[in-house]
PDB file of N, CA and C in Angstrom:
ATOM      1  N   MET A   1      -2.591  75.922 -46.130  1.00  0.00           N
ATOM      2  CA  MET A   1      -3.088  77.165 -46.657  1.00  0.00           C
ATOM      3  C   MET A   1      -4.425  77.458 -46.000  1.00  0.00           C
ATOM      4  N   LEU A   2      -4.730  78.742 -45.906  1.00  0.00           N
ATOM      5  CA  LEU A   2      -5.974  79.172 -45.266  1.00  0.00           C
ATOM      6  C   LEU A   2      -6.704  80.167 -46.155  1.00  0.00           C
ATOM      7  N   PHE A   3      -7.995  79.939 -46.317  1.00  0.00           N
ATOM      8  CA  PHE A   3      -8.878  80.875 -47.010  1.00  0.00           C
ATOM      9  C   PHE A   3      -9.952  81.303 -46.024  1.00  0.00           C
ATOM     10  N   LEU A   4     -10.083  82.598 -45.813  1.00  0.00           N
ATOM     11  CA  LEU A   4     -11.098  83.165 -44.924  1.00  0.00           C
ATOM     12  C   LEU A   4     -12.062  83.999 -45.740  1.00  0.00           C
ATOM     13  N   GLY A   5     -13.348  83.828 -45.510  1.00  0.00           N
ATOM     14  CA  GLY A   5     -14.308  84.662 -46.205  1.00  0.00           C
ATOM     15  C   GLY A   5     -15.728  84.187 -45.988  1.00  0.00           C
ATOM     16  N   VAL A   6     -16.618  85.111 -45.751  1.00  0.00           N
ATOM     17  CA  VAL A   6     -18.022  84.773 -45.543  1.00  0.00           C
ATOM     18  C   VAL A   6     -18.736  84.603 -46.882  1.00  0.00           C
ATOM     19  N   GLU A   7     -18.316  85.350 -47.880  1.00  0.00           N
ATOM     20  CA  GLU A   7     -18.958  85.297 -49.199  1.00  0.00           C
ATOM     21  C   GLU A   7     -18.017  84.617 -50.187  1.00  0.00           C
ATOM     22  N   TRP A   8     -18.295  83.364 -50.487  1.00  0.00           N
ATOM     23  CA  TRP A   8     -17.446  82.519 -51.325  1.00  0.00           C
ATOM     24  C   TRP A   8     -17.071  83.197 -52.642  1.00  0.00           C
ATOM     25  N   GLU A   9     -18.042  83.656 -53.380  1.00  0.00           N
ATOM     26  CA  GLU A   9     -17.792  84.236 -54.705  1.00  0.00           C
ATOM     27  C   GLU A   9     -17.010  85.545 -54.613  1.00  0.00           C
ATOM     28  N   ARG A  10     -17.481  86.471 -53.795  1.00  0.00           N
ATOM     29  CA  ARG A  10     -16.863  87.803 -53.701  1.00  0.00           C
ATOM     30  C   ARG A  10     -15.437  87.732 -53.159  1.00  0.00           C
ATOM     31  N   LYS A  11     -15.183  86.794 -52.257  1.00  0.00           N
ATOM     32  CA  LYS A  11     -13.852  86.666 -51.652  1.00  0.00           C
ATOM     33  C   LYS A  11     -12.908  85.811 -52.485  1.00  0.00           C
ATOM     34  N   GLY A  12     -13.390  85.243 -53.596  1.00  0.00           N
ATOM     35  CA  GLY A  12     -12.515  84.472 -54.479  1.00  0.00           C
ATOM     36  C   GLY A  12     -12.282  83.041 -54.037  1.00  0.00           C
ATOM     37  N   GLY A  13     -13.284  82.439 -53.411  1.00  0.00           N
ATOM     38  CA  GLY A  13     -13.143  81.079 -52.910  1.00  0.00           C
ATOM     39  C   GLY A  13     -12.747  80.063 -53.967  1.00  0.00           C
ATOM     40  N   GLN A  14     -13.320  80.188 -55.156  1.00  0.00           N
ATOM     41  CA  GLN A  14     -12.986  79.227 -56.212  1.00  0.00           C
ATOM     42  C   GLN A  14     -11.530  79.366 -56.633  1.00  0.00           C
ATOM     43  N   ILE A  15     -11.007  80.591 -56.617  1.00  0.00           N
ATOM     44  CA  ILE A  15      -9.592  80.798 -56.942  1.00  0.00           C
ATOM     45  C   ILE A  15      -8.713  80.103 -55.904  1.00  0.00           C
ATOM     46  N   ALA A  16      -9.090  80.204 -54.637  1.00  0.00           N
ATOM     47  CA  ALA A  16      -8.333  79.541 -53.567  1.00  0.00           C
ATOM     48  C   ALA A  16      -8.365  78.026 -53.765  1.00  0.00           C
ATOM     49  N   LEU A  17      -9.535  77.487 -54.064  1.00  0.00           N
ATOM     50  CA  LEU A  17      -9.665  76.047 -54.267  1.00  0.00           C
ATOM     51  C   LEU A  17      -8.886  75.591 -55.502  1.00  0.00           C
ATOM     52  N   ASP A  18      -8.959  76.361 -56.580  1.00  0.00           N
ATOM     53  CA  ASP A  18      -8.206  76.035 -57.792  1.00  0.00           C
ATOM     54  C   ASP A  18      -6.703  76.078 -57.532  1.00  0.00           C
ATOM     55  N   THR A  19      -6.260  77.019 -56.707  1.00  0.00           N
ATOM     56  CA  THR A  19      -4.845  77.108 -56.342  1.00  0.00           C
ATOM     57  C   THR A  19      -4.421  75.857 -55.584  1.00  0.00           C
ATOM     58  N   PHE A  20      -5.233  75.435 -54.641  1.00  0.00           N
ATOM     59  CA  PHE A  20      -4.971  74.213 -53.884  1.00  0.00           C
ATOM     60  C   PHE A  20      -4.815  73.022 -54.837  1.00  0.00           C
ATOM     61  N   TYR A  21      -5.769  72.855 -55.759  1.00  0.00           N
ATOM     62  CA  TYR A  21      -5.718  71.725 -56.686  1.00  0.00           C
ATOM     63  C   TYR A  21      -4.516  71.818 -57.622  1.00  0.00           C
ATOM     64  N   ALA A  22      -4.162  73.014 -58.060  1.00  0.00           N
ATOM     65  CA  ALA A  22      -2.999  73.183 -58.941  1.00  0.00           C
ATOM     66  C   ALA A  22      -1.716  72.767 -58.225  1.00  0.00           C
ATOM     67  N   LEU A  23      -1.564  73.182 -56.982  1.00  0.00           N
ATOM     68  CA  LEU A  23      -0.383  72.793 -56.209  1.00  0.00           C
ATOM     69  C   LEU A  23      -0.365  71.282 -55.983  1.00  0.00           C
ATOM     70  N   GLN A  24      -1.514  70.723 -55.663  1.00  0.00           N
ATOM     71  CA  GLN A  24      -1.629  69.285 -55.438  1.00  0.00           C
ATOM     72  C   GLN A  24      -1.286  68.511 -56.718  1.00  0.00           C
ATOM     73  N   ASN A  25      -1.771  68.987 -57.849  1.00  0.00           N
ATOM     74  CA  ASN A  25      -1.509  68.327 -59.133  1.00  0.00           C
ATOM     75  C   ASN A  25      -0.044  68.418 -59.545  1.00  0.00           C
ATOM     76  N   ASN A  26       0.677  69.373 -58.969  1.00  0.00           N
ATOM     77  CA  ASN A  26       2.110  69.514 -59.251  1.00  0.00           C
ATOM     78  C   ASN A  26       2.957  68.782 -58.209  1.00  0.00           C
ATOM     79  N   GLY A  27       2.326  67.898 -57.449  1.00  0.00           N
ATOM     80  CA  GLY A  27       3.051  67.043 -56.539  1.00  0.00           C
ATOM     81  C   GLY A  27       3.304  67.601 -55.152  1.00  0.00           C
ATOM     82  N   MET A  28       2.762  68.752 -54.850  1.00  0.00           N
ATOM     83  CA  MET A  28       2.968  69.336 -53.535  1.00  0.00           C
ATOM     84  C   MET A  28       1.964  68.748 -52.546  1.00  0.00           C
ATOM     85  N   GLN A  29       2.434  68.494 -51.348  1.00  0.00           N
ATOM     86  CA  GLN A  29       1.546  68.024 -50.283  1.00  0.00           C
ATOM     87  C   GLN A  29       1.008  69.252 -49.567  1.00  0.00           C
ATOM     88  N   VAL A  30      -0.235  69.601 -49.857  1.00  0.00           N
ATOM     89  CA  VAL A  30      -0.837  70.805 -49.299  1.00  0.00           C
ATOM     90  C   VAL A  30      -2.161  70.465 -48.617  1.00  0.00           C
ATOM     91  N   GLN A  31      -2.508  71.308 -47.676  1.00  0.00           N
ATOM     92  CA  GLN A  31      -3.807  71.234 -47.017  1.00  0.00           C
ATOM     93  C   GLN A  31      -4.440  72.614 -47.122  1.00  0.00           C
ATOM     94  N   LEU A  32      -5.752  72.648 -47.215  1.00  0.00           N
ATOM     95  CA  LEU A  32      -6.488  73.900 -47.302  1.00  0.00           C
ATOM     96  C   LEU A  32      -7.563  73.912 -46.230  1.00  0.00           C
ATOM     97  N   LYS A  33      -7.591  74.990 -45.463  1.00  0.00           N
ATOM     98  CA  LYS A  33      -8.690  75.223 -44.514  1.00  0.00           C
ATOM     99  C   LYS A  33      -9.516  76.372 -45.074  1.00  0.00           C
ATOM    100  N   ILE A  34     -10.813  76.148 -45.136  1.00  0.00           N
ATOM    101  CA  ILE A  34     -11.762  77.167 -45.585  1.00  0.00           C
ATOM    102  C   ILE A  34     -12.573  77.545 -44.358  1.00  0.00           C
ATOM    103  N   ILE A  35     -12.497  78.814 -43.973  1.00  0.00           N
ATOM    104  CA  ILE A  35     -13.207  79.274 -42.785  1.00  0.00           C
ATOM    105  C   ILE A  35     -14.105  80.445 -43.141  1.00  0.00           C
ATOM    106  N   GLY A  36     -15.359  80.367 -42.711  1.00  0.00           N
ATOM    107  CA  GLY A  36     -16.262  81.497 -42.850  1.00  0.00           C
ATOM    108  C   GLY A  36     -17.407  81.289 -43.803  1.00  0.00           C
ATOM    109  N   CYS A  37     -17.296  80.270 -44.652  1.00  0.00           N
ATOM    110  CA  CYS A  37     -18.370  80.049 -45.619  1.00  0.00           C
ATOM    111  C   CYS A  37     -18.425  78.574 -45.986  1.00  0.00           C
ATOM    112  N   GLN A  38     -19.486  78.211 -46.636  1.00  0.00           N
ATOM    113  CA  GLN A  38     -19.650  76.854 -47.146  1.00  0.00           C
ATOM    114  C   GLN A  38     -19.517  76.928 -48.663  1.00  0.00           C
ATOM    115  N   PRO A  39     -18.526  76.263 -49.241  1.00  0.00           N
ATOM    116  CA  PRO A  39     -18.400  76.281 -50.703  1.00  0.00           C
ATOM    117  C   PRO A  39     -19.673  75.760 -51.365  1.00  0.00           C
ATOM    118  N   PRO A  40     -20.000  76.257 -52.567  1.00  0.00           N
ATOM    119  CA  PRO A  40     -21.235  75.849 -53.235  1.00  0.00           C
ATOM    120  C   PRO A  40     -21.195  74.415 -53.757  1.00  0.00           C
ATOM    121  N   LEU A  41     -20.053  73.761 -53.688  1.00  0.00           N
ATOM    122  CA  LEU A  41     -19.940  72.389 -54.146  1.00  0.00           C
ATOM    123  C   LEU A  41     -19.402  71.517 -53.021  1.00  0.00           C
ATOM    124  N   HIS A  42     -19.679  70.243 -53.100  1.00  0.00           N
ATOM    125  CA  HIS A  42     -19.198  69.323 -52.063  1.00  0.00           C
ATOM    126  C   HIS A  42     -17.747  68.960 -52.379  1.00  0.00           C
ATOM    127  N   ILE A  43     -16.869  69.174 -51.427  1.00  0.00           N
ATOM    128  CA  ILE A  43     -15.447  68.885 -51.604  1.00  0.00           C
ATOM    129  C   ILE A  43     -15.151  67.585 -50.856  1.00  0.00           C
ATOM    130  N   LYS A  44     -14.648  66.598 -51.590  1.00  0.00           N
ATOM    131  CA  LYS A  44     -14.406  65.285 -50.999  1.00  0.00           C
ATOM    132  C   LYS A  44     -12.941  65.056 -50.650  1.00  0.00           C
ATOM    133  N   ASP A  45     -12.079  66.016 -50.929  1.00  0.00           N
ATOM    134  CA  ASP A  45     -10.648  65.845 -50.675  1.00  0.00           C
ATOM    135  C   ASP A  45     -10.372  65.858 -49.174  1.00  0.00           C
ATOM    136  N   LYS A  46      -9.664  64.851 -48.671  1.00  0.00           N
ATOM    137  CA  LYS A  46      -9.371  64.749 -47.236  1.00  0.00           C
ATOM    138  C   LYS A  46      -8.421  65.840 -46.764  1.00  0.00           C
ATOM    139  N   ASN A  47      -7.790  66.548 -47.680  1.00  0.00           N
ATOM    140  CA  ASN A  47      -6.866  67.626 -47.330  1.00  0.00           C
ATOM    141  C   ASN A  47      -7.529  68.994 -47.314  1.00  0.00           C
ATOM    142  N   VAL A  48      -8.850  69.011 -47.455  1.00  0.00           N
ATOM    143  CA  VAL A  48      -9.613  70.256 -47.374  1.00  0.00           C
ATOM    144  C   VAL A  48     -10.537  70.176 -46.161  1.00  0.00           C
ATOM    145  N   THR A  49     -10.429  71.172 -45.291  1.00  0.00           N
ATOM    146  CA  THR A  49     -11.280  71.270 -44.116  1.00  0.00           C
ATOM    147  C   THR A  49     -12.148  72.509 -44.251  1.00  0.00           C
ATOM    148  N   VAL A  50     -13.440  72.350 -44.051  1.00  0.00           N
ATOM    149  CA  VAL A  50     -14.366  73.487 -44.115  1.00  0.00           C
ATOM    150  C   VAL A  50     -14.923  73.730 -42.718  1.00  0.00           C
ATOM    151  N   ILE A  51     -14.728  74.945 -42.222  1.00  0.00           N
ATOM    152  CA  ILE A  51     -15.311  75.399 -40.961  1.00  0.00           C
ATOM    153  C   ILE A  51     -16.233  76.553 -41.352  1.00  0.00           C
ATOM    154  N   PRO A  52     -17.548  76.302 -41.419  1.00  0.00           N
ATOM    155  CA  PRO A  52     -18.463  77.299 -41.980  1.00  0.00           C
ATOM    156  C   PRO A  52     -18.387  78.690 -41.354  1.00  0.00           C
ATOM    157  N   PHE A  53     -18.147  78.805 -40.051  1.00  0.00           N
ATOM    158  CA  PHE A  53     -18.087  80.147 -39.462  1.00  0.00           C
ATOM    159  C   PHE A  53     -17.469  80.063 -38.076  1.00  0.00           C
ATOM    160  N   LEU A  54     -16.616  81.013 -37.760  1.00  0.00           N
ATOM    161  CA  LEU A  54     -16.087  81.188 -36.407  1.00  0.00           C
ATOM    162  C   LEU A  54     -16.401  82.610 -35.976  1.00  0.00           C
ATOM    163  N   ASN A  55     -17.047  82.752 -34.856  1.00  0.00           N
ATOM    164  CA  ASN A  55     -17.440  84.059 -34.342  1.00  0.00           C
ATOM    165  C   ASN A  55     -16.331  84.594 -33.436  1.00  0.00           C
ATOM    166  N   LYS A  56     -15.685  85.663 -33.855  1.00  0.00           N
ATOM    167  CA  LYS A  56     -14.583  86.241 -33.075  1.00  0.00           C
ATOM    168  C   LYS A  56     -15.062  86.851 -31.762  1.00  0.00           C
ATOM    169  N   ASN A  57     -16.368  87.027 -31.592  1.00  0.00           N
ATOM    170  CA  ASN A  57     -16.903  87.572 -30.346  1.00  0.00           C
ATOM    171  C   ASN A  57     -17.130  86.493 -29.282  1.00  0.00           C
ATOM    172  N   ILE A  58     -16.979  85.241 -29.665  1.00  0.00           N
ATOM    173  CA  ILE A  58     -17.056  84.125 -28.720  1.00  0.00           C
ATOM    174  C   ILE A  58     -15.627  83.691 -28.428  1.00  0.00           C
ATOM    175  N   LYS A  59     -15.252  83.758 -27.167  1.00  0.00           N
ATOM    176  CA  LYS A  59     -13.862  83.553 -26.768  1.00  0.00           C
ATOM    177  C   LYS A  59     -13.266  82.255 -27.325  1.00  0.00           C
ATOM    178  N   GLU A  60     -13.972  81.152 -27.222  1.00  0.00           N
ATOM    179  CA  GLU A  60     -13.461  79.862 -27.674  1.00  0.00           C
ATOM    180  C   GLU A  60     -13.249  79.843 -29.187  1.00  0.00           C
ATOM    181  N   GLU A  61     -14.176  80.436 -29.918  1.00  0.00           N
ATOM    182  CA  GLU A  61     -14.052  80.468 -31.373  1.00  0.00           C
ATOM    183  C   GLU A  61     -12.955  81.419 -31.810  1.00  0.00           C
ATOM    184  N   ALA A  62     -12.806  82.532 -31.121  1.00  0.00           N
ATOM    185  CA  ALA A  62     -11.710  83.464 -31.412  1.00  0.00           C
ATOM    186  C   ALA A  62     -10.372  82.780 -31.167  1.00  0.00           C
ATOM    187  N   GLN A  63     -10.285  82.005 -30.096  1.00  0.00           N
ATOM    188  CA  GLN A  63      -9.053  81.271 -29.792  1.00  0.00           C
ATOM    189  C   GLN A  63      -8.773  80.220 -30.860  1.00  0.00           C
ATOM    190  N   GLN A  64      -9.822  79.541 -31.320  1.00  0.00           N
ATOM    191  CA  GLN A  64      -9.661  78.547 -32.381  1.00  0.00           C
ATOM    192  C   GLN A  64      -9.114  79.199 -33.647  1.00  0.00           C
ATOM    193  N   LEU A  65      -9.671  80.355 -34.025  1.00  0.00           N
ATOM    194  CA  LEU A  65      -9.190  81.078 -35.198  1.00  0.00           C
ATOM    195  C   LEU A  65      -7.739  81.506 -35.006  1.00  0.00           C
ATOM    196  N   TYR A  66      -7.424  82.024 -33.834  1.00  0.00           N
ATOM    197  CA  TYR A  66      -6.055  82.447 -33.526  1.00  0.00           C
ATOM    198  C   TYR A  66      -5.090  81.267 -33.664  1.00  0.00           C
ATOM    199  N   ASN A  67      -5.454  80.107 -33.136  1.00  0.00           N
ATOM    200  CA  ASN A  67      -4.602  78.922 -33.222  1.00  0.00           C
ATOM    201  C   ASN A  67      -4.406  78.472 -34.659  1.00  0.00           C
ATOM    202  N   ILE A  68      -5.460  78.537 -35.450  1.00  0.00           N
ATOM    203  CA  ILE A  68      -5.350  78.177 -36.871  1.00  0.00           C
ATOM    204  C   ILE A  68      -4.410  79.146 -37.581  1.00  0.00           C
ATOM    205  N   LEU A  69      -4.550  80.437 -37.298  1.00  0.00           N
ATOM    206  CA  LEU A  69      -3.663  81.423 -37.919  1.00  0.00           C
ATOM    207  C   LEU A  69      -2.202  81.169 -37.555  1.00  0.00           C
ATOM    208  N   LEU A  70      -1.934  80.788 -36.319  1.00  0.00           N
ATOM    209  CA  LEU A  70      -0.568  80.489 -35.898  1.00  0.00           C
ATOM    210  C   LEU A  70       0.013  79.288 -36.637  1.00  0.00           C
ATOM    211  N   GLN A  71      -0.837  78.341 -37.019  1.00  0.00           N
ATOM    212  CA  GLN A  71      -0.390  77.127 -37.689  1.00  0.00           C
ATOM    213  C   GLN A  71      -0.375  77.254 -39.218  1.00  0.00           C
ATOM    214  N   THR A  72      -0.807  78.392 -39.727  1.00  0.00           N
ATOM    215  CA  THR A  72      -0.954  78.577 -41.168  1.00  0.00           C
ATOM    216  C   THR A  72       0.333  79.103 -41.793  1.00  0.00           C
ATOM    217  N   ASP A  73       0.747  78.463 -42.897  1.00  0.00           N
ATOM    218  CA  ASP A  73       1.927  78.914 -43.629  1.00  0.00           C
ATOM    219  C   ASP A  73       1.574  79.941 -44.700  1.00  0.00           C
ATOM    220  N   PHE A  74       0.413  79.773 -45.330  1.00  0.00           N
ATOM    221  CA  PHE A  74       0.003  80.669 -46.407  1.00  0.00           C
ATOM    222  C   PHE A  74      -1.449  81.084 -46.213  1.00  0.00           C
ATOM    223  N   LEU A  75      -1.682  82.387 -46.257  1.00  0.00           N
ATOM    224  CA  LEU A  75      -3.032  82.936 -46.193  1.00  0.00           C
ATOM    225  C   LEU A  75      -3.396  83.399 -47.594  1.00  0.00           C
ATOM    226  N   LEU A  76      -4.441  82.802 -48.161  1.00  0.00           N
ATOM    227  CA  LEU A  76      -4.874  83.148 -49.511  1.00  0.00           C
ATOM    228  C   LEU A  76      -5.893  84.279 -49.447  1.00  0.00           C
ATOM    229  N   LEU A  77      -5.652  85.332 -50.224  1.00  0.00           N
ATOM    230  CA  LEU A  77      -6.555  86.487 -50.270  1.00  0.00           C
ATOM    231  C   LEU A  77      -6.923  86.813 -51.723  1.00  0.00           C
ATOM    232  N   PRO A  78      -7.624  85.921 -52.393  1.00  0.00           N
ATOM    233  CA  PRO A  78      -7.945  86.152 -53.800  1.00  0.00           C
ATOM    234  C   PRO A  78      -9.216  86.966 -54.008  1.00  0.00           C
ATOM    235  N   THR A  79      -9.462  87.945 -53.168  1.00  0.00           N
ATOM    236  CA  THR A  79     -10.717  88.682 -53.178  1.00  0.00           C
ATOM    237  C   THR A  79     -11.053  89.264 -54.550  1.00  0.00           C
ATOM    238  N   ARG A  80     -12.331  89.252 -54.857  1.00  0.00           N
ATOM    239  CA  ARG A  80     -12.850  89.831 -56.101  1.00  0.00           C
ATOM    240  C   ARG A  80     -13.428  91.219 -55.829  1.00  0.00           C
ATOM    241  N   ALA A  81     -13.433  91.626 -54.555  1.00  0.00           N
ATOM    242  CA  ALA A  81     -14.024  92.907 -54.157  1.00  0.00           C
ATOM    243  C   ALA A  81     -13.084  94.057 -54.511  1.00  0.00           C
ATOM    244  N   MET A  82     -13.665  95.189 -54.823  1.00  0.00           N
ATOM    245  CA  MET A  82     -12.871  96.376 -55.146  1.00  0.00           C
ATOM    246  C   MET A  82     -12.222  96.953 -53.887  1.00  0.00           C
ATOM    247  N   GLN A  83     -12.926  96.942 -52.801  1.00  0.00           N
ATOM    248  CA  GLN A  83     -12.387  97.422 -51.535  1.00  0.00           C
ATOM    249  C   GLN A  83     -12.387  96.261 -50.560  1.00  0.00           C
ATOM    250  N   GLU A  84     -11.331  96.139 -49.818  1.00  0.00           N
ATOM    251  CA  GLU A  84     -11.201  95.001 -48.910  1.00  0.00           C
ATOM    252  C   GLU A  84     -10.844  95.495 -47.516  1.00  0.00           C
ATOM    253  N   CYS A  85     -11.552  95.014 -46.517  1.00  0.00           N
ATOM    254  CA  CYS A  85     -11.324  95.405 -45.120  1.00  0.00           C
ATOM    255  C   CYS A  85     -10.720  94.273 -44.322  1.00  0.00           C
ATOM    256  N   PHE A  86     -10.083  93.325 -44.969  1.00  0.00           N
ATOM    257  CA  PHE A  86      -9.602  92.117 -44.314  1.00  0.00           C
ATOM    258  C   PHE A  86      -8.668  92.410 -43.145  1.00  0.00           C
ATOM    259  N   CYS A  87      -7.664  93.228 -43.343  1.00  0.00           N
ATOM    260  CA  CYS A  87      -6.685  93.478 -42.276  1.00  0.00           C
ATOM    261  C   CYS A  87      -7.350  94.093 -41.048  1.00  0.00           C
ATOM    262  N   ARG A  88      -8.277  94.939 -41.264  1.00  0.00           N
ATOM    263  CA  ARG A  88      -8.992  95.544 -40.149  1.00  0.00           C
ATOM    264  C   ARG A  88      -9.813  94.503 -39.398  1.00  0.00           C
ATOM    265  N   ALA A  89     -10.399  93.576 -40.123  1.00  0.00           N
ATOM    266  CA  ALA A  89     -11.241  92.553 -39.506  1.00  0.00           C
ATOM    267  C   ALA A  89     -10.440  91.577 -38.665  1.00  0.00           C
ATOM    268  N   LEU A  90      -9.178  91.345 -39.015  1.00  0.00           N
ATOM    269  CA  LEU A  90      -8.363  90.387 -38.266  1.00  0.00           C
ATOM    270  C   LEU A  90      -7.530  91.031 -37.172  1.00  0.00           C
ATOM    271  N   ASN A  91      -7.434  92.340 -37.155  1.00  0.00           N
ATOM    272  CA  ASN A  91      -6.601  93.025 -36.173  1.00  0.00           C
ATOM    273  C   ASN A  91      -7.199  92.854 -34.778  1.00  0.00           C
ATOM    274  N   PRO A  92      -6.501  92.117 -33.893  1.00  0.00           N
ATOM    275  CA  PRO A  92      -7.072  91.873 -32.554  1.00  0.00           C
ATOM    276  C   PRO A  92      -7.223  93.140 -31.730  1.00  0.00           C
ATOM    277  N   PHE A  93      -6.447  94.171 -32.020  1.00  0.00           N
ATOM    278  CA  PHE A  93      -6.521  95.406 -31.262  1.00  0.00           C
ATOM    279  C   PHE A  93      -7.738  96.249 -31.650  1.00  0.00           C
ATOM    280  N   TYR A  94      -8.284  95.970 -32.822  1.00  0.00           N
ATOM    281  CA  TYR A  94      -9.457  96.691 -33.294  1.00  0.00           C
ATOM    282  C   TYR A  94     -10.662  96.441 -32.394  1.00  0.00           C
ATOM    283  N   TYR A  95     -10.739  95.277 -31.780  1.00  0.00           N
ATOM    284  CA  TYR A  95     -11.888  94.903 -30.962  1.00  0.00           C
ATOM    285  C   TYR A  95     -11.722  95.246 -29.493  1.00  0.00           C
ATOM    286  N   ASN A  96     -10.568  95.759 -29.097  1.00  0.00           N
ATOM    287  CA  ASN A  96     -10.344  96.114 -27.680  1.00  0.00           C
ATOM    288  C   ASN A  96     -10.861  97.492 -27.362  1.00  0.00           C
TER     289      ASN A  96
END
């Protein structure tokens, strides 16, 4: 699973983490990647990876994000925001 967001609270980071733990507690083998922010608490689970930020304007980091997206089965979007620009932000054609 993948959670993307620069603002942990506004993007619903805790909901994503709680979802991960709920699935894990129900016997599912899941992994969670958190990209774009640092959670406010220290996560010790070996199945959680935190990548504080990837800059899409840097070719190598954009490629890393693209590769992660290709390997992701579930994208979590538990945003708490009233308006969300997520699809626009990930659209590779938007930056061309």
